[in-house]
Protein backbone atom coordinates (compact mmCIF):
# COMPACT_ATOMS: atom_id res chain seq x y z
CA MET A 1 -21.10 11.05 12.58
CA LEU A 2 -18.60 14.24 13.08
CA LEU A 3 -16.95 12.05 15.63
CA ALA A 4 -17.08 8.54 13.60
CA GLY A 5 -15.06 10.69 10.65
CA LEU A 6 -12.14 12.33 13.32
CA ILE A 7 -11.91 8.66 14.53
CA THR A 8 -11.18 6.78 11.43
CA LEU A 9 -8.49 9.67 10.79
CA VAL A 10 -7.37 9.16 13.48
CA LEU A 11 -7.41 5.04 13.55
CA ALA A 12 -5.97 6.32 9.27
CA VAL A 13 -2.78 8.25 10.76
CA VAL A 14 -1.92 5.17 13.34
CA ALA A 15 -2.53 2.87 10.68
CA GLY A 16 -0.33 4.84 8.53
CA GLN A 17 2.51 5.65 11.29
CA SER A 18 2.72 1.91 12.17
CA ALA A 19 2.70 1.32 8.76
CA TYR A 20 5.95 3.37 8.44
CA ASP A 21 7.70 1.76 11.30
CA ASP A 22 6.94 -1.71 9.99
CA GLY A 23 9.31 -0.17 6.77
CA LEU A 24 11.67 1.23 8.75
CA ALA A 25 12.63 -1.97 10.32
CA ARG A 26 12.50 -3.51 7.42
CA ILE A 27 15.80 -1.62 6.01
CA GLU A 28 16.94 -2.26 8.78
CA ARG A 29 16.45 -6.22 9.00
CA ASP A 30 17.47 -6.84 4.74
CA ALA A 31 20.36 -3.41 5.86
CA ALA A 32 21.91 -6.51 8.39
CA ALA A 33 21.56 -9.93 6.38
CA ARG A 34 23.28 -8.26 3.28
CA ALA A 35 26.13 -10.15 2.19
CA THR A 36 28.40 -9.06 -0.19
CA VAL A 37 30.67 -12.03 -2.17
CA VAL A 38 33.07 -12.78 -5.07
CA GLY A 39 31.26 -14.38 -7.99
CA THR A 40 32.56 -15.22 -11.07
CA LEU A 41 31.48 -13.51 -14.70
CA LEU A 42 29.52 -17.14 -16.57
CA ASP A 43 29.19 -14.52 -19.81
CA ASP A 44 31.14 -11.55 -21.79
CA ALA A 45 29.94 -8.40 -20.46
CA ALA A 46 30.41 -5.64 -23.95
CA SER A 47 28.17 -3.04 -23.12
CA ALA A 48 28.03 -0.33 -26.79
CA ARG A 49 29.74 2.98 -26.83
CA THR A 50 25.80 3.58 -26.23
CA GLU A 51 24.74 1.52 -23.47
CA PRO A 52 26.16 2.33 -20.11
CA ALA A 53 25.22 -0.82 -18.27
CA THR A 54 24.88 -4.51 -19.36
CA ARG A 55 22.83 -7.48 -17.71
CA ALA A 56 25.69 -10.67 -17.07
CA ARG A 57 24.92 -13.84 -15.43
CA VAL A 58 27.40 -14.29 -12.47
CA SER A 59 28.29 -17.42 -10.55
CA TYR A 60 28.66 -17.33 -6.57
CA VAL A 61 28.33 -18.73 -3.40
CA ASP A 62 26.56 -16.88 -0.75
CA PRO A 63 27.29 -16.31 3.10
CA ALA A 64 25.26 -20.63 3.56
CA GLY A 65 28.43 -21.99 1.55
CA ARG A 66 25.03 -22.65 -1.38
CA PRO A 67 26.22 -22.13 -4.91
CA GLN A 68 24.27 -19.95 -7.21
CA ILE A 69 23.33 -18.20 -10.45
CA GLY A 70 22.13 -14.92 -10.52
CA GLU A 71 22.28 -11.65 -13.47
CA ILE A 72 24.24 -8.30 -12.65
CA THR A 73 24.62 -5.34 -14.13
CA VAL A 74 28.69 -4.68 -15.93
CA THR A 75 29.30 -1.42 -16.34
CA GLY A 76 33.02 -1.88 -19.26
CA ARG A 77 34.23 -5.05 -20.58
CA LEU A 78 34.38 -8.03 -18.79
CA PRO A 79 35.17 -11.14 -20.56
CA ALA A 80 33.38 -14.49 -18.82
CA GLY A 81 35.93 -15.87 -16.23
CA THR A 82 36.30 -12.59 -14.56
CA PRO A 83 35.60 -11.80 -11.26
CA VAL A 84 33.65 -9.17 -9.46
CA ARG A 85 32.46 -8.30 -6.15
CA VAL A 86 28.45 -8.92 -5.76
CA GLU A 87 26.22 -7.57 -3.07
CA VAL A 88 22.73 -10.81 -1.84
CA ASP A 89 20.06 -9.95 -0.04
CA GLY A 90 19.40 -12.62 3.68
CA ASP A 91 17.89 -15.21 1.24
CA GLY A 92 21.61 -15.00 -1.16
CA ARG A 93 19.39 -13.43 -4.51
CA VAL A 94 22.06 -11.15 -6.38
CA GLY A 95 19.80 -8.66 -7.74
CA ALA A 96 17.18 -7.89 -5.50
CA GLU A 97 16.96 -4.17 -4.63
CA ARG A 98 17.59 -2.61 -1.25
CA PRO A 99 14.52 -1.42 1.03
CA SER A 100 13.78 2.89 1.09
CA ARG A 101 12.24 4.88 2.71
CA GLY A 102 10.79 5.86 -0.06
CA ASP A 103 8.90 2.00 0.30
CA ALA A 104 8.24 2.88 3.73
CA VAL A 105 6.65 6.52 2.85
CA LEU A 106 4.75 4.53 0.72
CA SER A 107 3.14 1.69 2.99
CA ALA A 108 2.03 4.01 5.35
CA VAL A 109 0.50 6.82 2.78
CA ALA A 110 -1.32 2.61 1.52
CA ALA A 111 -2.77 2.05 4.97
CA ALA A 112 -3.76 5.53 5.59
CA SER A 113 -5.31 6.11 2.85
CA GLY A 114 -6.72 3.24 1.93
CA ILE A 115 -8.62 3.32 6.04
CA VAL A 116 -9.71 6.69 5.25
CA VAL A 117 -11.52 5.32 1.91
CA ILE A 118 -13.18 2.68 3.63
CA GLY A 119 -13.32 4.62 6.70
CA TRP A 120 -15.76 7.92 4.58
CA LEU A 121 -17.00 5.42 2.93
CA LEU A 122 -18.67 3.88 5.28
CA LEU A 123 -19.86 7.27 6.74
CA VAL A 124 -21.12 8.21 3.25
CA LEU A 125 -23.24 5.23 3.16
CA ALA A 126 -24.68 5.05 6.65
CA TRP A 127 -25.14 9.39 5.97
CA PHE A 128 -27.61 7.89 3.06
CA GLY A 129 -29.09 4.54 5.33
CA ILE A 130 -29.70 7.77 7.91
CA LEU A 131 -31.27 10.19 5.83
CA LYS A 132 -33.54 7.52 4.42
CA ALA A 133 -34.94 6.48 7.75
CA ILE A 134 -35.22 10.32 8.46
CA THR A 135 -37.47 10.69 5.55
CA ALA A 136 -39.44 7.75 5.88
CA ARG A 137 -40.35 8.54 9.32
CA ASN A 138 -40.98 11.82 8.39
CA GLU A 139 -43.36 10.51 6.44
CA LYS A 140 -45.40 8.64 8.26
CA ALA A 141 -45.48 11.15 10.74
CA TRP A 142 -46.89 13.74 8.08
CA GLU A 143 -49.66 11.26 6.54
CA ARG A 144 -50.75 10.36 10.14
CA GLU A 145 -50.95 13.87 11.13
CA TRP A 146 -52.77 14.40 7.88
CA ARG A 147 -55.69 12.64 8.36
CA LEU A 148 -55.99 14.19 11.26
CA ILE A 149 -56.23 17.74 9.82
CA GLU A 150 -58.07 16.60 6.70
CA PRO A 151 -61.03 16.16 7.44
CA GLN A 152 -61.40 19.63 9.45
CA TRP A 153 -59.23 21.71 6.62
CA SER A 154 -61.68 20.17 3.52
CA GLY A 155 -64.73 20.88 5.38
CA ARG A 156 -65.38 16.57 5.35
CA ASN A 157 -65.93 16.82 9.44
CA ARG A 158 -68.67 20.35 10.13
CA ARG A 159 -72.04 18.72 11.27
CA LEU A 160 -74.28 20.47 9.97
């Protein structure tokens, strides 16, 4: 059981490291696929003094040459028709968050935690199964021995 527990922990570490490496690779792929294009605001963007930014629709052409409409966060007072720089992801979408190292760490922790929880749950279930089997075996052995000992102990087996 101890060896199975250690193997579970090793598997959790390997899975966590693999998930972290995949997350870092995803960050690199996303950074390579991102591009900055010039778009045109479709709505007036007038953020109030209490609001540092507002959302506005923008029209742009993605790196593949397809016309797109998206929504971006704009600071300040900009009228419709103002050209703005827009960062798009590999699919030409605007507003998609960049994956971060925190995302990679979170996926690594989730993978490792999942394996630890499932592994330990299986170990606990196996422990209770083994405990039940051993208890049943011991009870049968006790009954078998009692059948041999009880007549002598109670005196029913004495010859007169």
